[in-house]
Amino acid sequence: MASQHVKRLQAENDSLRQIAADFHWMARRYADGSRTYVTGLLNDRTRQLLRMGVKLNSCSDQIIWARDGMGRRFDGLTEAEATPGTPEAKGEVCK
């Protein structure tokens, strides 16, 4: 009985990871370049997903982070994270 419950939870966890990855790129495209709190929020959640081992797909410009239209101070990114194509921008390196 307990093993069935664990299997069901693992299947749900796997599904939720995929759903998060599917939603992430859409949210990133929406938030990128905006001048609101949403860029920092998305980047915080992106860091959480990476720490949990969720594989995220970078958008066509090779970046998983949302850049704030007002600069690094507002989105909390390093220059490497904000530079498309770098390992940091693709989420291969996470602080």
N, C-alpha and C. Protein backbone atom coordinates (compact mmCIF):
# COMPACT_ATOMS: atom_id res chain seq x y z
N MET A 1 0.82 -1.19 0.00
CA MET A 1 0.00 0.00 0.00
C MET A 1 0.87 1.26 0.00
N ALA A 2 1.86 1.30 0.88
CA ALA A 2 2.73 2.48 0.95
C ALA A 2 3.53 2.63 -0.33
N SER A 3 3.95 1.52 -0.92
CA SER A 3 4.75 1.61 -2.15
C SER A 3 3.91 2.16 -3.31
N GLN A 4 2.64 1.85 -3.35
CA GLN A 4 1.74 2.42 -4.37
C GLN A 4 1.62 3.93 -4.18
N HIS A 5 1.53 4.35 -2.93
CA HIS A 5 1.42 5.78 -2.63
C HIS A 5 2.69 6.51 -3.05
N VAL A 6 3.85 5.92 -2.78
CA VAL A 6 5.13 6.52 -3.16
C VAL A 6 5.23 6.59 -4.68
N LYS A 7 4.82 5.56 -5.37
CA LYS A 7 4.86 5.56 -6.84
C LYS A 7 3.96 6.65 -7.41
N ARG A 8 2.78 6.81 -6.82
CA ARG A 8 1.85 7.84 -7.29
C ARG A 8 2.44 9.22 -7.05
N LEU A 9 3.04 9.44 -5.88
CA LEU A 9 3.66 10.72 -5.59
C LEU A 9 4.83 11.01 -6.53
N GLN A 10 5.62 9.99 -6.85
CA GLN A 10 6.74 10.18 -7.77
C GLN A 10 6.23 10.53 -9.17
N ALA A 11 5.17 9.87 -9.60
CA ALA A 11 4.59 10.19 -10.92
C ALA A 11 4.05 11.61 -10.94
N GLU A 12 3.41 12.03 -9.86
CA GLU A 12 2.91 13.41 -9.78
C GLU A 12 4.08 14.40 -9.79
N ASN A 13 5.12 14.09 -9.05
CA ASN A 13 6.31 14.95 -9.00
C ASN A 13 6.93 15.09 -10.39
N ASP A 14 7.06 13.99 -11.09
CA ASP A 14 7.61 14.04 -12.45
C ASP A 14 6.73 14.89 -13.37
N SER A 15 5.42 14.73 -13.24
CA SER A 15 4.50 15.52 -14.06
C SER A 15 4.60 17.01 -13.72
N LEU A 16 4.67 17.33 -12.45
CA LEU A 16 4.78 18.73 -12.03
C LEU A 16 6.09 19.37 -12.51
N ARG A 17 7.16 18.61 -12.52
CA ARG A 17 8.43 19.12 -13.05
C ARG A 17 8.29 19.48 -14.53
N GLN A 18 7.64 18.61 -15.29
CA GLN A 18 7.45 18.88 -16.71
C GLN A 18 6.53 20.07 -16.93
N ILE A 19 5.47 20.14 -16.13
CA ILE A 19 4.54 21.28 -16.24
C ILE A 19 5.27 22.58 -15.93
N ALA A 20 6.09 22.58 -14.88
CA ALA A 20 6.85 23.79 -14.52
C ALA A 20 7.77 24.20 -15.65
N ALA A 21 8.44 23.23 -16.26
CA ALA A 21 9.33 23.54 -17.39
C ALA A 21 8.55 24.09 -18.58
N ASP A 22 7.38 23.51 -18.84
CA ASP A 22 6.55 23.98 -19.95
C ASP A 22 6.05 25.40 -19.72
N PHE A 23 5.65 25.70 -18.50
CA PHE A 23 5.16 27.04 -18.19
C PHE A 23 6.29 28.07 -18.09
N HIS A 24 7.46 27.63 -17.66
CA HIS A 24 8.55 28.57 -17.40
C HIS A 24 8.89 29.41 -18.63
N TRP A 25 9.08 28.79 -19.78
CA TRP A 25 9.52 29.56 -20.94
C TRP A 25 8.47 30.58 -21.37
N MET A 26 7.19 30.23 -21.16
CA MET A 26 6.14 31.18 -21.51
C MET A 26 6.13 32.37 -20.55
N ALA A 27 6.29 32.08 -19.27
CA ALA A 27 6.35 33.15 -18.28
C ALA A 27 7.57 34.02 -18.50
N ARG A 28 8.69 33.41 -18.86
CA ARG A 28 9.91 34.17 -19.12
C ARG A 28 9.71 35.11 -20.31
N ARG A 29 9.09 34.63 -21.36
CA ARG A 29 8.85 35.49 -22.53
C ARG A 29 7.93 36.64 -22.18
N TYR A 30 6.95 36.40 -21.32
CA TYR A 30 6.04 37.45 -20.88
C TYR A 30 6.78 38.50 -20.04
N ALA A 31 7.62 38.04 -19.13
CA ALA A 31 8.26 38.93 -18.15
C ALA A 31 9.48 39.65 -18.70
N ASP A 32 10.18 39.05 -19.65
CA ASP A 32 11.45 39.62 -20.12
C ASP A 32 11.25 41.02 -20.69
N GLY A 33 12.03 41.96 -20.15
CA GLY A 33 11.98 43.33 -20.63
C GLY A 33 10.98 44.21 -19.92
N SER A 34 10.12 43.61 -19.09
CA SER A 34 9.14 44.44 -18.39
C SER A 34 9.83 45.23 -17.27
N ARG A 35 9.13 46.17 -16.77
CA ARG A 35 9.68 47.04 -15.71
C ARG A 35 8.80 46.91 -14.47
N THR A 36 8.63 45.67 -14.02
CA THR A 36 7.81 45.41 -12.84
C THR A 36 8.49 44.40 -11.95
N TYR A 37 7.88 44.14 -10.82
CA TYR A 37 8.41 43.16 -9.87
C TYR A 37 8.44 41.76 -10.45
N VAL A 38 7.71 41.52 -11.53
CA VAL A 38 7.57 40.17 -12.06
C VAL A 38 8.91 39.58 -12.53
N THR A 39 9.84 40.41 -13.01
CA THR A 39 11.13 39.87 -13.45
C THR A 39 11.88 39.26 -12.28
N GLY A 40 11.94 39.97 -11.16
CA GLY A 40 12.63 39.43 -9.98
C GLY A 40 11.94 38.19 -9.45
N LEU A 41 10.61 38.19 -9.45
CA LEU A 41 9.86 37.03 -8.98
C LEU A 41 10.12 35.82 -9.87
N LEU A 42 10.07 36.02 -11.17
CA LEU A 42 10.33 34.92 -12.08
C LEU A 42 11.75 34.39 -11.89
N ASN A 43 12.72 35.27 -11.75
CA ASN A 43 14.10 34.83 -11.57
C ASN A 43 14.29 34.09 -10.25
N ASP A 44 13.62 34.53 -9.19
CA ASP A 44 13.68 33.80 -7.92
C ASP A 44 13.12 32.40 -8.07
N ARG A 45 11.97 32.30 -8.74
CA ARG A 45 11.35 30.97 -8.94
C ARG A 45 12.19 30.11 -9.88
N THR A 46 12.83 30.74 -10.86
CA THR A 46 13.72 30.00 -11.76
C THR A 46 14.87 29.39 -10.98
N ARG A 47 15.46 30.15 -10.06
CA ARG A 47 16.54 29.62 -9.23
C ARG A 47 16.05 28.44 -8.39
N GLN A 48 14.84 28.54 -7.85
CA GLN A 48 14.29 27.44 -7.07
C GLN A 48 14.12 26.18 -7.93
N LEU A 49 13.59 26.36 -9.12
CA LEU A 49 13.42 25.21 -10.02
C LEU A 49 14.75 24.56 -10.36
N LEU A 50 15.77 25.38 -10.64
CA LEU A 50 17.09 24.83 -10.95
C LEU A 50 17.66 24.06 -9.77
N ARG A 51 17.51 24.60 -8.57
CA ARG A 51 18.01 23.90 -7.37
C ARG A 51 17.29 22.58 -7.14
N MET A 52 16.04 22.50 -7.59
CA MET A 52 15.27 21.25 -7.46
C MET A 52 15.59 20.28 -8.58
N GLY A 53 16.45 20.70 -9.50
CA GLY A 53 16.83 19.81 -10.59
C GLY A 53 15.89 19.81 -11.78
N VAL A 54 15.02 20.81 -11.87
CA VAL A 54 14.11 20.89 -13.01
C VAL A 54 14.90 21.40 -14.22
N LYS A 55 14.82 20.67 -15.31
CA LYS A 55 15.51 21.05 -16.55
C LYS A 55 14.65 22.06 -17.28
N LEU A 56 15.20 23.28 -17.43
CA LEU A 56 14.47 24.35 -18.11
C LEU A 56 15.04 24.56 -19.50
N ASN A 57 14.18 24.91 -20.43
CA ASN A 57 14.59 25.19 -21.79
C ASN A 57 14.74 26.69 -21.97
N SER A 58 15.88 27.09 -22.51
CA SER A 58 16.05 28.51 -22.79
C SER A 58 15.23 28.85 -24.03
N CYS A 59 14.82 30.09 -24.10
CA CYS A 59 14.07 30.55 -25.27
C CYS A 59 15.02 30.63 -26.46
N SER A 60 14.53 31.06 -27.59
CA SER A 60 15.34 31.08 -28.80
C SER A 60 16.58 31.96 -28.66
N ASP A 61 16.56 32.90 -27.70
CA ASP A 61 17.74 33.75 -27.52
C ASP A 61 18.72 33.19 -26.49
N GLN A 62 18.54 31.92 -26.12
CA GLN A 62 19.48 31.21 -25.25
C GLN A 62 19.63 31.83 -23.87
N ILE A 63 18.50 32.13 -23.24
CA ILE A 63 18.51 32.67 -21.88
C ILE A 63 17.23 32.23 -21.16
N ILE A 64 17.37 31.80 -19.91
CA ILE A 64 16.20 31.36 -19.14
C ILE A 64 15.69 32.44 -18.19
N TRP A 65 16.43 33.51 -18.06
CA TRP A 65 16.11 34.57 -17.10
C TRP A 65 15.31 35.69 -17.73
N ALA A 66 14.53 36.38 -16.91
CA ALA A 66 13.81 37.57 -17.35
C ALA A 66 14.66 38.79 -16.98
N ARG A 67 14.96 39.59 -17.97
CA ARG A 67 15.75 40.80 -17.73
C ARG A 67 14.81 41.98 -17.56
N ASP A 68 15.05 42.75 -16.51
CA ASP A 68 14.21 43.92 -16.25
C ASP A 68 14.61 45.04 -17.19
N GLY A 69 13.64 45.76 -17.70
CA GLY A 69 13.90 46.87 -18.60
C GLY A 69 14.67 48.01 -17.95
N MET A 70 14.75 48.00 -16.62
CA MET A 70 15.47 49.06 -15.92
C MET A 70 16.84 48.62 -15.43
N GLY A 71 17.26 47.40 -15.74
CA GLY A 71 18.62 46.99 -15.43
C GLY A 71 18.78 45.92 -14.36
N ARG A 72 20.05 45.56 -14.16
CA ARG A 72 20.42 44.46 -13.27
C ARG A 72 19.97 44.69 -11.83
N ARG A 73 19.97 45.89 -11.37
CA ARG A 73 19.58 46.15 -10.00
C ARG A 73 18.16 45.67 -9.71
N PHE A 74 17.33 45.65 -10.72
CA PHE A 74 15.94 45.29 -10.54
C PHE A 74 15.65 43.81 -10.80
N ASP A 75 16.44 43.17 -11.67
CA ASP A 75 16.15 41.76 -11.95
C ASP A 75 17.02 40.80 -11.15
N GLY A 76 18.06 41.32 -10.48
CA GLY A 76 18.89 40.48 -9.63
C GLY A 76 19.81 39.54 -10.38
N LEU A 77 20.08 39.81 -11.64
CA LEU A 77 20.93 38.94 -12.44
C LEU A 77 22.37 39.46 -12.47
N THR A 78 23.29 38.54 -12.66
CA THR A 78 24.66 38.93 -12.94
C THR A 78 24.74 39.26 -14.43
N GLU A 79 25.81 39.90 -14.83
CA GLU A 79 25.96 40.19 -16.27
C GLU A 79 26.04 38.91 -17.08
N ALA A 80 26.69 37.88 -16.54
CA ALA A 80 26.77 36.60 -17.25
C ALA A 80 25.39 35.97 -17.42
N GLU A 81 24.55 36.05 -16.39
CA GLU A 81 23.20 35.50 -16.49
C GLU A 81 22.37 36.27 -17.51
N ALA A 82 22.63 37.56 -17.64
CA ALA A 82 21.85 38.41 -18.55
C ALA A 82 22.38 38.42 -19.97
N THR A 83 23.47 37.71 -20.22
CA THR A 83 24.09 37.69 -21.56
C THR A 83 23.68 36.41 -22.28
N PRO A 84 22.83 36.50 -23.29
CA PRO A 84 22.37 35.30 -24.00
C PRO A 84 23.51 34.42 -24.47
N GLY A 85 23.31 33.12 -24.31
CA GLY A 85 24.25 32.13 -24.80
C GLY A 85 25.31 31.69 -23.81
N THR A 86 25.50 32.42 -22.73
CA THR A 86 26.49 31.99 -21.73
C THR A 86 25.93 30.81 -20.93
N PRO A 87 26.80 29.99 -20.33
CA PRO A 87 26.30 28.89 -19.49
C PRO A 87 25.38 29.41 -18.38
N GLU A 88 25.70 30.55 -17.80
CA GLU A 88 24.87 31.12 -16.75
C GLU A 88 23.50 31.51 -17.27
N ALA A 89 23.45 32.05 -18.48
CA ALA A 89 22.18 32.46 -19.08
C ALA A 89 21.30 31.26 -19.39
N LYS A 90 21.92 30.15 -19.71
CA LYS A 90 21.17 28.93 -20.02
C LYS A 90 20.80 28.14 -18.77
N GLY A 91 21.24 28.60 -17.60
CA GLY A 91 20.93 27.89 -16.35
C GLY A 91 21.84 26.72 -16.08
N GLU A 92 22.94 26.63 -16.80
CA GLU A 92 23.89 25.54 -16.57
C GLU A 92 24.73 25.78 -15.33
N VAL A 93 24.79 27.04 -14.91
CA VAL A 93 25.49 27.44 -13.69
C VAL A 93 24.50 28.28 -12.90
N CYS A 94 24.25 27.91 -11.65
CA CYS A 94 23.29 28.66 -10.84
C CYS A 94 23.91 28.99 -9.50
N LYS A 95 23.82 30.26 -9.13
CA LYS A 95 24.37 30.67 -7.83
C LYS A 95 23.41 30.36 -6.72
